[in-house]
Each structure stands twice: as structure tokens, then as C-alpha cells.
């Protein structure tokens, strides 16, 4: 179980770094948005490239921020009975939901979005807007974002199994296993 917990820790650290990058992207998106608006109103100049850059940063935030949000247990839960379950029941529900719903769905979406990216890359797809950006790099974010969420799901499964076996306890606030 220790090697699996080490793998889980490595995945968590990777997603923590991704979360840090996403935090910086929030600031950059705000600066680009504000700068674009100021230039547009002050100098009557606008660029579709800057607008698309904002969209790209937002897409990266959503796709990669999901795995970081899941790592921190700050995702939206829709389980009606979750609040009424014991800690062990919550572990089992998290384990089953992650193992049989989240991971397969993320892997399927990652697999299905790969040809979408490849087609865009093969033709060197560009934005249809004047001054727009290259499209294929942002389309690569889709399969990688879902793959990262699936990978974080693997980390969560490892932690839940370890907690059910009594090897670790889960820090409810940050979903960190503690020995």
C-alpha cells in the first residue's frame, strides 16, 4: 500500500502545481481583460487575439482546475444521502463513484476528444476571426484536462482504499491522508 500512497502523493503534488498555475492564470486573465477593455475604450483599438487569449486562459482554468478542485474536495456534490452517511459510508460512496463513474467518464471523454484535437492539428486550424489565434493548442487542453481529472481520481481511489483498510485517515478539509 505504501507504493500506491506514494503514487497518490505524487499525483496530488502534480495537481497542486497545476492549481498554482491556474491561480496565476486567473490573475493574467483579469489583467488581459482589463487591459483589452482599457485599450479598446481609450484608443479605440481592439484585437480578437487578446479576446481569444482570455477564452483560452478560461478554458485552461476550467479543464485543469477541475482536477485541483477535486483534489481539495471542493467539487460540487449531488449525493442527497451523503450528509447522512457515516465516515466509512462516505468513503465507500466516494470510492464507488470515483471508480465506476468519474474515472471511466473522464477516460472516455479524453479518448473521444483526442481525434478532435488531432484533426485540428493536422490542418493547422486557425481562428476564423481576424487577428485570431491558432486553435489546435487549446483543443489539446480537452483530452489532457480529462486525463488529469481521471489521474486525480486514481489518487482519490488509492486514498479511500487506504482509509478503508485503516492504513491512513483522511483529512476532511483537504482530503490529505495522514498516517
N, C-alpha and C. Protein backbone atom coordinates (compact mmCIF):
# COMPACT_ATOMS: atom_id res chain seq x y z
N UNK A 1 0.83 -1.19 0.00
CA UNK A 1 0.00 0.00 0.00
C UNK A 1 0.87 1.26 0.00
N UNK A 2 2.05 1.19 0.60
CA UNK A 2 2.94 2.37 0.63
C UNK A 2 3.33 2.87 -0.76
N UNK A 3 3.67 1.98 -1.71
CA UNK A 3 3.98 2.49 -3.06
C UNK A 3 2.78 3.19 -3.70
N UNK A 4 1.59 2.65 -3.47
CA UNK A 4 0.39 3.30 -4.02
C UNK A 4 0.14 4.66 -3.37
N UNK A 5 0.38 4.75 -2.07
CA UNK A 5 0.23 6.04 -1.40
C UNK A 5 1.28 7.04 -1.89
N UNK A 6 2.47 6.55 -2.21
CA UNK A 6 3.50 7.43 -2.78
C UNK A 6 3.06 7.93 -4.16
N UNK A 7 2.45 7.04 -4.96
CA UNK A 7 1.91 7.44 -6.25
C UNK A 7 0.81 8.49 -6.06
N UNK A 8 -0.07 8.25 -5.10
CA UNK A 8 -1.14 9.20 -4.81
C UNK A 8 -0.58 10.57 -4.42
N UNK A 9 0.45 10.57 -3.61
CA UNK A 9 1.10 11.82 -3.20
C UNK A 9 1.71 12.53 -4.40
N UNK A 10 2.32 11.78 -5.30
CA UNK A 10 2.92 12.38 -6.49
C UNK A 10 1.84 13.01 -7.38
N UNK A 11 0.73 12.31 -7.55
CA UNK A 11 -0.38 12.85 -8.34
C UNK A 11 -0.92 14.12 -7.68
N UNK A 12 -1.08 14.07 -6.36
CA UNK A 12 -1.57 15.24 -5.62
C UNK A 12 -0.62 16.42 -5.78
N UNK A 13 0.68 16.16 -5.73
CA UNK A 13 1.66 17.24 -5.88
C UNK A 13 1.61 17.84 -7.29
N UNK A 14 1.45 16.98 -8.30
CA UNK A 14 1.33 17.46 -9.67
C UNK A 14 0.10 18.36 -9.80
N UNK A 15 -1.03 17.92 -9.26
CA UNK A 15 -2.24 18.72 -9.35
C UNK A 15 -2.16 19.98 -8.49
N UNK A 16 -1.38 19.94 -7.44
CA UNK A 16 -1.17 21.15 -6.64
C UNK A 16 -0.40 22.19 -7.47
N UNK A 17 0.59 21.73 -8.21
CA UNK A 17 1.34 22.64 -9.09
C UNK A 17 0.46 23.19 -10.21
N UNK A 18 -0.38 22.32 -10.75
CA UNK A 18 -1.33 22.77 -11.78
C UNK A 18 -2.27 23.81 -11.19
N UNK A 19 -2.72 23.58 -9.97
CA UNK A 19 -3.59 24.55 -9.30
C UNK A 19 -2.90 25.89 -9.12
N UNK A 20 -1.61 25.86 -8.81
CA UNK A 20 -0.85 27.10 -8.67
C UNK A 20 -0.80 27.85 -10.00
N UNK A 21 -0.57 27.13 -11.09
CA UNK A 21 -0.56 27.75 -12.42
C UNK A 21 -1.94 28.32 -12.73
N UNK A 22 -2.99 27.60 -12.38
CA UNK A 22 -4.35 28.10 -12.61
C UNK A 22 -4.60 29.38 -11.83
N UNK A 23 -4.10 29.46 -10.61
CA UNK A 23 -4.25 30.69 -9.82
C UNK A 23 -3.58 31.87 -10.53
N UNK A 24 -2.42 31.64 -11.09
CA UNK A 24 -1.72 32.70 -11.83
C UNK A 24 -2.52 33.06 -13.09
N UNK A 25 -3.10 32.06 -13.74
CA UNK A 25 -3.89 32.32 -14.94
C UNK A 25 -5.11 33.18 -14.64
N UNK A 26 -5.68 33.05 -13.46
CA UNK A 26 -6.80 33.91 -13.09
C UNK A 26 -6.36 35.36 -13.11
N UNK A 27 -5.23 35.63 -12.49
CA UNK A 27 -4.70 36.99 -12.47
C UNK A 27 -4.39 37.47 -13.88
N UNK A 28 -3.74 36.64 -14.67
CA UNK A 28 -3.40 37.03 -16.05
C UNK A 28 -4.66 37.29 -16.88
N UNK A 29 -5.68 36.46 -16.70
CA UNK A 29 -6.92 36.65 -17.45
C UNK A 29 -7.57 37.98 -17.08
N UNK A 30 -7.54 38.33 -15.81
CA UNK A 30 -8.09 39.61 -15.37
C UNK A 30 -7.29 40.76 -15.96
N UNK A 31 -5.97 40.65 -15.94
CA UNK A 31 -5.13 41.71 -16.49
C UNK A 31 -5.33 41.87 -18.00
N UNK A 32 -5.39 40.76 -18.71
CA UNK A 32 -5.62 40.82 -20.16
C UNK A 32 -6.99 41.42 -20.45
N UNK A 33 -7.99 40.99 -19.70
CA UNK A 33 -9.34 41.51 -19.90
C UNK A 33 -9.41 43.01 -19.62
N UNK A 34 -8.83 43.43 -18.50
CA UNK A 34 -8.84 44.86 -18.15
C UNK A 34 -8.03 45.67 -19.16
N UNK A 35 -6.86 45.15 -19.53
CA UNK A 35 -6.02 45.85 -20.50
C UNK A 35 -6.70 45.98 -21.85
N UNK A 36 -7.34 44.90 -22.29
CA UNK A 36 -8.04 44.92 -23.56
C UNK A 36 -9.18 45.94 -23.53
N UNK A 37 -9.94 45.97 -22.44
CA UNK A 37 -11.04 46.92 -22.31
C UNK A 37 -10.52 48.36 -22.28
N UNK A 38 -9.46 48.60 -21.54
CA UNK A 38 -8.91 49.96 -21.45
C UNK A 38 -8.41 50.43 -22.82
N UNK A 39 -7.70 49.56 -23.52
CA UNK A 39 -7.17 49.93 -24.83
C UNK A 39 -8.32 50.18 -25.81
N UNK A 40 -9.35 49.35 -25.72
CA UNK A 40 -10.49 49.49 -26.63
C UNK A 40 -11.19 50.83 -26.42
N UNK A 41 -11.42 51.21 -25.16
CA UNK A 41 -12.15 52.45 -24.89
C UNK A 41 -11.25 53.68 -24.93
N UNK A 42 -10.00 53.55 -24.56
CA UNK A 42 -9.11 54.72 -24.55
C UNK A 42 -8.56 55.04 -25.94
N UNK A 43 -8.24 54.00 -26.71
CA UNK A 43 -7.59 54.22 -28.00
C UNK A 43 -8.42 53.73 -29.19
N UNK A 44 -9.62 53.26 -28.91
CA UNK A 44 -10.50 52.75 -29.95
C UNK A 44 -9.81 51.69 -30.80
N UNK A 45 -9.07 50.82 -30.12
CA UNK A 45 -8.36 49.73 -30.79
C UNK A 45 -8.71 48.43 -30.07
N UNK A 46 -8.95 47.39 -30.83
CA UNK A 46 -9.25 46.10 -30.23
C UNK A 46 -8.62 45.00 -31.07
N UNK A 47 -8.35 43.89 -30.43
CA UNK A 47 -7.76 42.76 -31.12
C UNK A 47 -8.50 41.49 -30.72
N UNK A 48 -8.90 40.73 -31.72
CA UNK A 48 -9.54 39.44 -31.44
C UNK A 48 -8.58 38.48 -30.76
N UNK A 49 -7.30 38.65 -31.04
CA UNK A 49 -6.30 37.78 -30.41
C UNK A 49 -6.31 37.89 -28.90
N UNK A 50 -6.44 39.11 -28.38
CA UNK A 50 -6.48 39.30 -26.92
C UNK A 50 -7.77 38.71 -26.34
N UNK A 51 -8.86 38.88 -27.04
CA UNK A 51 -10.12 38.31 -26.58
C UNK A 51 -10.05 36.78 -26.57
N UNK A 52 -9.50 36.21 -27.62
CA UNK A 52 -9.37 34.75 -27.67
C UNK A 52 -8.38 34.25 -26.62
N UNK A 53 -7.35 35.02 -26.33
CA UNK A 53 -6.41 34.65 -25.28
C UNK A 53 -7.13 34.52 -23.94
N UNK A 54 -8.06 35.44 -23.67
CA UNK A 54 -8.87 35.35 -22.45
C UNK A 54 -9.66 34.05 -22.44
N UNK A 55 -10.27 33.70 -23.56
CA UNK A 55 -11.05 32.46 -23.65
C UNK A 55 -10.15 31.26 -23.43
N UNK A 56 -8.97 31.30 -24.00
CA UNK A 56 -8.04 30.18 -23.84
C UNK A 56 -7.64 30.01 -22.38
N UNK A 57 -7.34 31.12 -21.73
CA UNK A 57 -6.96 31.03 -20.31
C UNK A 57 -8.12 30.50 -19.49
N UNK A 58 -9.34 30.93 -19.79
CA UNK A 58 -10.50 30.43 -19.07
C UNK A 58 -10.68 28.93 -19.31
N UNK A 59 -10.50 28.48 -20.55
CA UNK A 59 -10.62 27.05 -20.86
C UNK A 59 -9.59 26.24 -20.07
N UNK A 60 -8.37 26.74 -20.00
CA UNK A 60 -7.32 26.05 -19.23
C UNK A 60 -7.69 26.01 -17.76
N UNK A 61 -8.21 27.11 -17.25
CA UNK A 61 -8.63 27.16 -15.84
C UNK A 61 -9.69 26.11 -15.55
N UNK A 62 -10.67 26.01 -16.41
CA UNK A 62 -11.76 25.06 -16.19
C UNK A 62 -11.26 23.62 -16.31
N UNK A 63 -10.55 23.32 -17.39
CA UNK A 63 -10.16 21.94 -17.63
C UNK A 63 -9.11 21.42 -16.64
N UNK A 64 -8.14 22.25 -16.29
CA UNK A 64 -7.11 21.79 -15.36
C UNK A 64 -7.46 22.12 -13.92
N UNK A 65 -8.28 23.14 -13.72
CA UNK A 65 -8.71 23.48 -12.37
C UNK A 65 -9.62 22.42 -11.78
N UNK A 66 -10.28 21.65 -12.64
CA UNK A 66 -11.18 20.60 -12.15
C UNK A 66 -10.43 19.56 -11.32
N UNK A 67 -9.26 19.14 -11.79
CA UNK A 67 -8.51 18.12 -11.05
C UNK A 67 -8.00 18.68 -9.72
N UNK A 68 -7.59 19.94 -9.73
CA UNK A 68 -7.14 20.57 -8.48
C UNK A 68 -8.30 20.74 -7.50
N UNK A 69 -9.45 21.13 -8.03
CA UNK A 69 -10.64 21.28 -7.18
C UNK A 69 -11.04 19.94 -6.59
N UNK A 70 -10.97 18.89 -7.38
CA UNK A 70 -11.30 17.55 -6.90
C UNK A 70 -10.30 17.11 -5.82
N UNK A 71 -9.03 17.41 -6.03
CA UNK A 71 -8.00 17.08 -5.05
C UNK A 71 -8.31 17.71 -3.70
N UNK A 72 -8.77 18.96 -3.72
CA UNK A 72 -9.05 19.69 -2.48
C UNK A 72 -10.44 19.41 -1.91
N UNK A 73 -11.18 18.51 -2.55
CA UNK A 73 -12.53 18.15 -2.12
C UNK A 73 -13.45 19.37 -2.11
N UNK A 74 -13.28 20.25 -3.08
CA UNK A 74 -14.12 21.44 -3.16
C UNK A 74 -15.06 21.38 -4.36
N UNK A 75 -15.23 20.19 -4.89
CA UNK A 75 -16.15 20.00 -6.00
C UNK A 75 -17.59 19.95 -5.49
N UNK A 76 -18.53 20.09 -6.40
CA UNK A 76 -19.95 20.07 -6.05
C UNK A 76 -20.38 18.63 -5.88
N UNK A 77 -21.05 18.38 -4.78
CA UNK A 77 -21.59 17.04 -4.54
C UNK A 77 -23.10 17.08 -4.75
N UNK A 78 -23.61 16.05 -5.38
CA UNK A 78 -25.05 15.99 -5.60
C UNK A 78 -25.67 14.78 -4.92
N UNK A 79 -24.91 14.10 -4.10
CA UNK A 79 -25.43 12.95 -3.39
C UNK A 79 -26.34 13.43 -2.26
N UNK A 80 -27.59 13.09 -2.36
CA UNK A 80 -28.57 13.54 -1.38
C UNK A 80 -28.31 12.92 -0.02
N UNK A 81 -27.90 11.68 0.01
CA UNK A 81 -27.74 10.96 1.27
C UNK A 81 -26.33 11.07 1.85
N UNK A 82 -25.42 11.73 1.16
CA UNK A 82 -24.02 11.79 1.58
C UNK A 82 -23.88 12.34 3.00
N UNK A 83 -24.64 13.39 3.32
CA UNK A 83 -24.54 14.02 4.64
C UNK A 83 -24.97 13.09 5.77
N UNK A 84 -25.80 12.13 5.45
CA UNK A 84 -26.33 11.23 6.48
C UNK A 84 -25.52 9.96 6.65
N UNK A 85 -24.49 9.79 5.83
CA UNK A 85 -23.68 8.58 5.90
C UNK A 85 -22.61 8.70 6.99
N UNK A 86 -22.19 7.56 7.50
CA UNK A 86 -21.06 7.53 8.42
C UNK A 86 -19.79 7.82 7.62
N UNK A 87 -18.68 8.03 8.31
CA UNK A 87 -17.42 8.28 7.62
C UNK A 87 -17.06 7.10 6.71
N UNK A 88 -17.27 5.91 7.19
CA UNK A 88 -16.98 4.72 6.38
C UNK A 88 -17.91 4.66 5.16
N UNK A 89 -19.16 5.01 5.36
CA UNK A 89 -20.12 5.04 4.25
C UNK A 89 -19.73 6.08 3.20
N UNK A 90 -19.24 7.23 3.66
CA UNK A 90 -18.78 8.27 2.74
C UNK A 90 -17.57 7.79 1.94
N UNK A 91 -16.67 7.08 2.62
CA UNK A 91 -15.50 6.53 1.92
C UNK A 91 -15.94 5.56 0.83
N UNK A 92 -16.90 4.69 1.16
CA UNK A 92 -17.38 3.72 0.18
C UNK A 92 -18.08 4.41 -0.99
N UNK A 93 -18.90 5.41 -0.70
CA UNK A 93 -19.60 6.11 -1.78
C UNK A 93 -18.62 6.86 -2.67
N UNK A 94 -17.63 7.52 -2.06
CA UNK A 94 -16.59 8.19 -2.85
C UNK A 94 -15.83 7.19 -3.72
N UNK A 95 -15.47 6.07 -3.13
CA UNK A 95 -14.72 5.05 -3.85
C UNK A 95 -15.51 4.51 -5.04
N UNK A 96 -16.74 4.14 -4.81
CA UNK A 96 -17.57 3.57 -5.88
C UNK A 96 -17.85 4.61 -6.96
N UNK A 97 -18.20 5.82 -6.56
CA UNK A 97 -18.49 6.87 -7.53
C UNK A 97 -17.28 7.23 -8.37
N UNK A 98 -16.13 7.32 -7.73
CA UNK A 98 -14.91 7.68 -8.46
C UNK A 98 -14.47 6.54 -9.38
N UNK A 99 -14.52 5.34 -8.86
CA UNK A 99 -14.04 4.18 -9.62
C UNK A 99 -14.94 3.82 -10.79
N UNK A 100 -16.25 3.91 -10.60
CA UNK A 100 -17.16 3.44 -11.64
C UNK A 100 -17.84 4.54 -12.45
N UNK A 101 -17.74 5.78 -12.01
CA UNK A 101 -18.36 6.87 -12.76
C UNK A 101 -17.33 7.88 -13.25
N UNK A 102 -16.60 8.48 -12.32
CA UNK A 102 -15.70 9.58 -12.69
C UNK A 102 -14.57 9.12 -13.60
N UNK A 103 -13.82 8.13 -13.18
CA UNK A 103 -12.66 7.70 -13.97
C UNK A 103 -13.07 7.19 -15.35
N UNK A 104 -14.06 6.29 -15.46
CA UNK A 104 -14.44 5.85 -16.82
C UNK A 104 -14.96 7.01 -17.69
N UNK A 105 -15.74 7.91 -17.13
CA UNK A 105 -16.27 9.03 -17.92
C UNK A 105 -15.13 9.93 -18.40
N UNK A 106 -14.18 10.22 -17.52
CA UNK A 106 -13.05 11.09 -17.90
C UNK A 106 -12.18 10.43 -18.96
N UNK A 107 -11.92 9.14 -18.80
CA UNK A 107 -11.12 8.43 -19.80
C UNK A 107 -11.83 8.38 -21.15
N UNK A 108 -13.14 8.16 -21.11
CA UNK A 108 -13.91 8.13 -22.35
C UNK A 108 -13.89 9.50 -23.02
N UNK A 109 -14.11 10.56 -22.26
CA UNK A 109 -14.10 11.91 -22.84
C UNK A 109 -12.71 12.29 -23.36
N UNK A 110 -11.69 11.86 -22.65
CA UNK A 110 -10.33 12.12 -23.12
C UNK A 110 -10.08 11.39 -24.44
N UNK A 111 -10.49 10.14 -24.50
CA UNK A 111 -10.32 9.33 -25.71
C UNK A 111 -11.10 9.92 -26.89
N UNK A 112 -12.34 10.33 -26.64
CA UNK A 112 -13.19 10.85 -27.71
C UNK A 112 -12.77 12.24 -28.17
N UNK A 113 -12.12 13.00 -27.31
CA UNK A 113 -11.70 14.35 -27.70
C UNK A 113 -10.35 14.36 -28.41
N UNK A 114 -9.61 13.27 -28.34
CA UNK A 114 -8.31 13.21 -28.99
C UNK A 114 -8.40 13.41 -30.51
N UNK A 115 -9.31 12.74 -31.22
CA UNK A 115 -9.42 12.98 -32.67
C UNK A 115 -9.82 14.43 -32.99
N UNK A 116 -10.60 15.04 -32.13
CA UNK A 116 -10.98 16.45 -32.28
C UNK A 116 -9.73 17.32 -32.31
N UNK A 117 -8.80 17.04 -31.39
CA UNK A 117 -7.53 17.76 -31.37
C UNK A 117 -6.68 17.40 -32.60
N UNK A 118 -6.56 16.11 -32.90
CA UNK A 118 -5.69 15.67 -34.00
C UNK A 118 -6.12 16.26 -35.35
N UNK A 119 -7.42 16.32 -35.57
CA UNK A 119 -7.91 16.90 -36.82
C UNK A 119 -7.53 18.38 -36.90
N UNK A 120 -7.69 19.07 -35.80
CA UNK A 120 -7.34 20.49 -35.75
C UNK A 120 -5.84 20.69 -35.97
N UNK A 121 -5.04 19.82 -35.36
CA UNK A 121 -3.58 19.90 -35.50
C UNK A 121 -3.16 19.60 -36.94
N UNK A 122 -3.78 18.59 -37.53
CA UNK A 122 -3.40 18.15 -38.89
C UNK A 122 -3.61 19.25 -39.92
N UNK A 123 -4.65 20.04 -39.74
CA UNK A 123 -4.94 21.09 -40.72
C UNK A 123 -4.38 22.45 -40.28
N UNK A 124 -3.75 22.49 -39.11
CA UNK A 124 -3.21 23.76 -38.60
C UNK A 124 -4.32 24.78 -38.39
N UNK A 125 -5.39 24.34 -37.76
CA UNK A 125 -6.59 25.17 -37.61
C UNK A 125 -6.28 26.51 -36.94
N UNK A 126 -6.82 27.53 -37.56
CA UNK A 126 -6.70 28.90 -37.04
C UNK A 126 -8.10 29.43 -36.75
N UNK A 127 -8.16 30.44 -35.93
CA UNK A 127 -9.42 31.10 -35.64
C UNK A 127 -9.96 31.73 -36.92
N UNK A 128 -11.27 31.75 -37.04
CA UNK A 128 -11.90 32.39 -38.18
C UNK A 128 -11.96 33.90 -38.04
N UNK A 129 -11.63 34.41 -36.87
CA UNK A 129 -11.66 35.85 -36.63
C UNK A 129 -10.36 36.51 -37.08
N UNK A 130 -10.47 37.72 -37.57
CA UNK A 130 -9.28 38.47 -37.95
C UNK A 130 -8.40 38.68 -36.72
N UNK A 131 -7.13 38.36 -36.84
CA UNK A 131 -6.21 38.52 -35.72
C UNK A 131 -6.35 37.45 -34.66
N UNK A 132 -7.10 36.39 -34.97
CA UNK A 132 -7.33 35.31 -34.01
C UNK A 132 -6.12 34.41 -33.85
N UNK A 133 -6.23 33.49 -32.92
CA UNK A 133 -5.11 32.62 -32.56
C UNK A 133 -5.21 31.25 -33.22
N UNK A 134 -4.14 30.50 -33.10
CA UNK A 134 -4.11 29.10 -33.54
C UNK A 134 -5.05 28.32 -32.62
N UNK A 135 -5.85 27.42 -33.17
CA UNK A 135 -6.85 26.71 -32.38
C UNK A 135 -6.39 25.36 -31.81
N UNK A 136 -5.47 24.67 -32.51
CA UNK A 136 -5.17 23.31 -32.05
C UNK A 136 -4.56 23.25 -30.66
N UNK A 137 -3.75 24.22 -30.21
CA UNK A 137 -3.21 24.06 -28.84
C UNK A 137 -4.29 24.05 -27.76
N UNK A 138 -5.33 24.86 -27.95
CA UNK A 138 -6.37 24.88 -26.92
C UNK A 138 -7.23 23.63 -26.99
N UNK A 139 -7.32 23.02 -28.14
CA UNK A 139 -8.08 21.77 -28.25
C UNK A 139 -7.34 20.61 -27.59
N UNK A 140 -6.03 20.74 -27.43
CA UNK A 140 -5.26 19.72 -26.71
C UNK A 140 -5.57 19.74 -25.22
N UNK A 141 -6.02 20.88 -24.73
CA UNK A 141 -6.37 21.02 -23.32
C UNK A 141 -7.52 20.08 -22.94
N UNK A 142 -8.41 19.81 -23.87
CA UNK A 142 -9.58 18.98 -23.56
C UNK A 142 -9.18 17.55 -23.17
N UNK A 143 -8.47 16.80 -24.02
CA UNK A 143 -8.11 15.45 -23.58
C UNK A 143 -7.18 15.43 -22.37
N UNK A 144 -6.24 16.38 -22.31
CA UNK A 144 -5.33 16.40 -21.16
C UNK A 144 -6.04 16.79 -19.87
N UNK A 145 -6.99 17.69 -19.96
CA UNK A 145 -7.75 18.08 -18.77
C UNK A 145 -8.53 16.91 -18.20
N UNK A 146 -9.21 16.16 -19.08
CA UNK A 146 -9.95 14.99 -18.61
C UNK A 146 -9.01 13.91 -18.11
N UNK A 147 -7.84 13.76 -18.74
CA UNK A 147 -6.86 12.77 -18.27
C UNK A 147 -6.36 13.13 -16.87
N UNK A 148 -6.13 14.42 -16.64
CA UNK A 148 -5.66 14.85 -15.31
C UNK A 148 -6.73 14.63 -14.25
N UNK A 149 -7.99 14.85 -14.60
CA UNK A 149 -9.08 14.60 -13.66
C UNK A 149 -9.18 13.10 -13.36
N UNK A 150 -9.01 12.26 -14.38
CA UNK A 150 -9.01 10.81 -14.16
C UNK A 150 -7.84 10.40 -13.28
N UNK A 151 -6.68 11.00 -13.51
CA UNK A 151 -5.50 10.70 -12.71
C UNK A 151 -5.72 11.09 -11.25
N UNK A 152 -6.35 12.24 -11.02
CA UNK A 152 -6.66 12.63 -9.65
C UNK A 152 -7.67 11.66 -9.05
N UNK A 153 -8.56 11.14 -9.89
CA UNK A 153 -9.50 10.12 -9.44
C UNK A 153 -8.77 8.88 -8.95
N UNK A 154 -7.72 8.49 -9.65
CA UNK A 154 -6.91 7.34 -9.22
C UNK A 154 -6.31 7.62 -7.85
N UNK A 155 -5.81 8.83 -7.66
CA UNK A 155 -5.25 9.21 -6.36
C UNK A 155 -6.30 9.11 -5.25
N UNK A 156 -7.51 9.58 -5.56
CA UNK A 156 -8.58 9.53 -4.56
C UNK A 156 -8.99 8.10 -4.25
N UNK A 157 -9.00 7.24 -5.25
CA UNK A 157 -9.32 5.83 -5.02
C UNK A 157 -8.28 5.20 -4.10
N UNK A 158 -7.02 5.48 -4.36
CA UNK A 158 -5.95 4.94 -3.51
C UNK A 158 -6.13 5.39 -2.07
N UNK A 159 -6.42 6.68 -1.88
CA UNK A 159 -6.60 7.21 -0.52
C UNK A 159 -7.81 6.59 0.17
N UNK A 160 -8.90 6.39 -0.58
CA UNK A 160 -10.11 5.80 0.02
C UNK A 160 -9.87 4.35 0.42
N UNK A 161 -9.21 3.60 -0.45
CA UNK A 161 -8.92 2.20 -0.12
C UNK A 161 -8.01 2.14 1.10
N UNK A 162 -7.00 2.99 1.15
CA UNK A 162 -6.09 3.02 2.31
C UNK A 162 -6.85 3.38 3.58
N UNK A 163 -7.79 4.31 3.48
CA UNK A 163 -8.57 4.69 4.66
C UNK A 163 -9.49 3.56 5.08
N UNK A 164 -10.11 2.87 4.13
CA UNK A 164 -10.98 1.74 4.46
C UNK A 164 -10.21 0.60 5.11
N UNK A 165 -8.93 0.44 4.69
CA UNK A 165 -8.09 -0.60 5.29
C UNK A 165 -7.49 -0.17 6.62
N UNK A 166 -7.69 1.08 6.99
CA UNK A 166 -7.17 1.58 8.26
C UNK A 166 -5.71 1.99 8.20
N UNK A 167 -5.14 2.09 7.02
CA UNK A 167 -3.73 2.46 6.87
C UNK A 167 -3.55 3.96 7.11
N UNK A 168 -4.51 4.75 6.64
CA UNK A 168 -4.47 6.20 6.80
C UNK A 168 -5.84 6.69 7.22
N UNK A 169 -5.87 7.92 7.69
CA UNK A 169 -7.14 8.62 7.87
C UNK A 169 -7.13 9.79 6.90
N UNK A 170 -8.30 10.21 6.50
CA UNK A 170 -8.41 11.28 5.52
C UNK A 170 -8.73 12.58 6.23
N UNK A 171 -7.90 13.60 5.98
CA UNK A 171 -8.17 14.94 6.49
C UNK A 171 -9.35 15.48 5.67
N UNK A 172 -10.50 15.65 6.31
CA UNK A 172 -11.72 16.00 5.59
C UNK A 172 -11.61 17.34 4.86
N UNK A 173 -10.81 18.25 5.38
CA UNK A 173 -10.74 19.57 4.75
C UNK A 173 -10.01 19.54 3.42
N UNK A 174 -8.88 18.86 3.36
CA UNK A 174 -8.08 18.86 2.14
C UNK A 174 -7.93 17.49 1.53
N UNK A 175 -8.62 16.50 2.06
CA UNK A 175 -8.54 15.14 1.52
C UNK A 175 -7.13 14.60 1.54
N UNK A 176 -6.35 15.02 2.52
CA UNK A 176 -4.97 14.55 2.64
C UNK A 176 -4.93 13.34 3.55
N UNK A 177 -4.28 12.26 3.10
CA UNK A 177 -4.15 11.14 4.02
C UNK A 177 -3.11 11.46 5.11
N UNK A 178 -3.42 11.05 6.32
CA UNK A 178 -2.47 11.22 7.42
C UNK A 178 -2.20 9.85 8.02
N UNK A 179 -0.93 9.61 8.33
CA UNK A 179 -0.55 8.30 8.88
C UNK A 179 -0.89 8.23 10.35
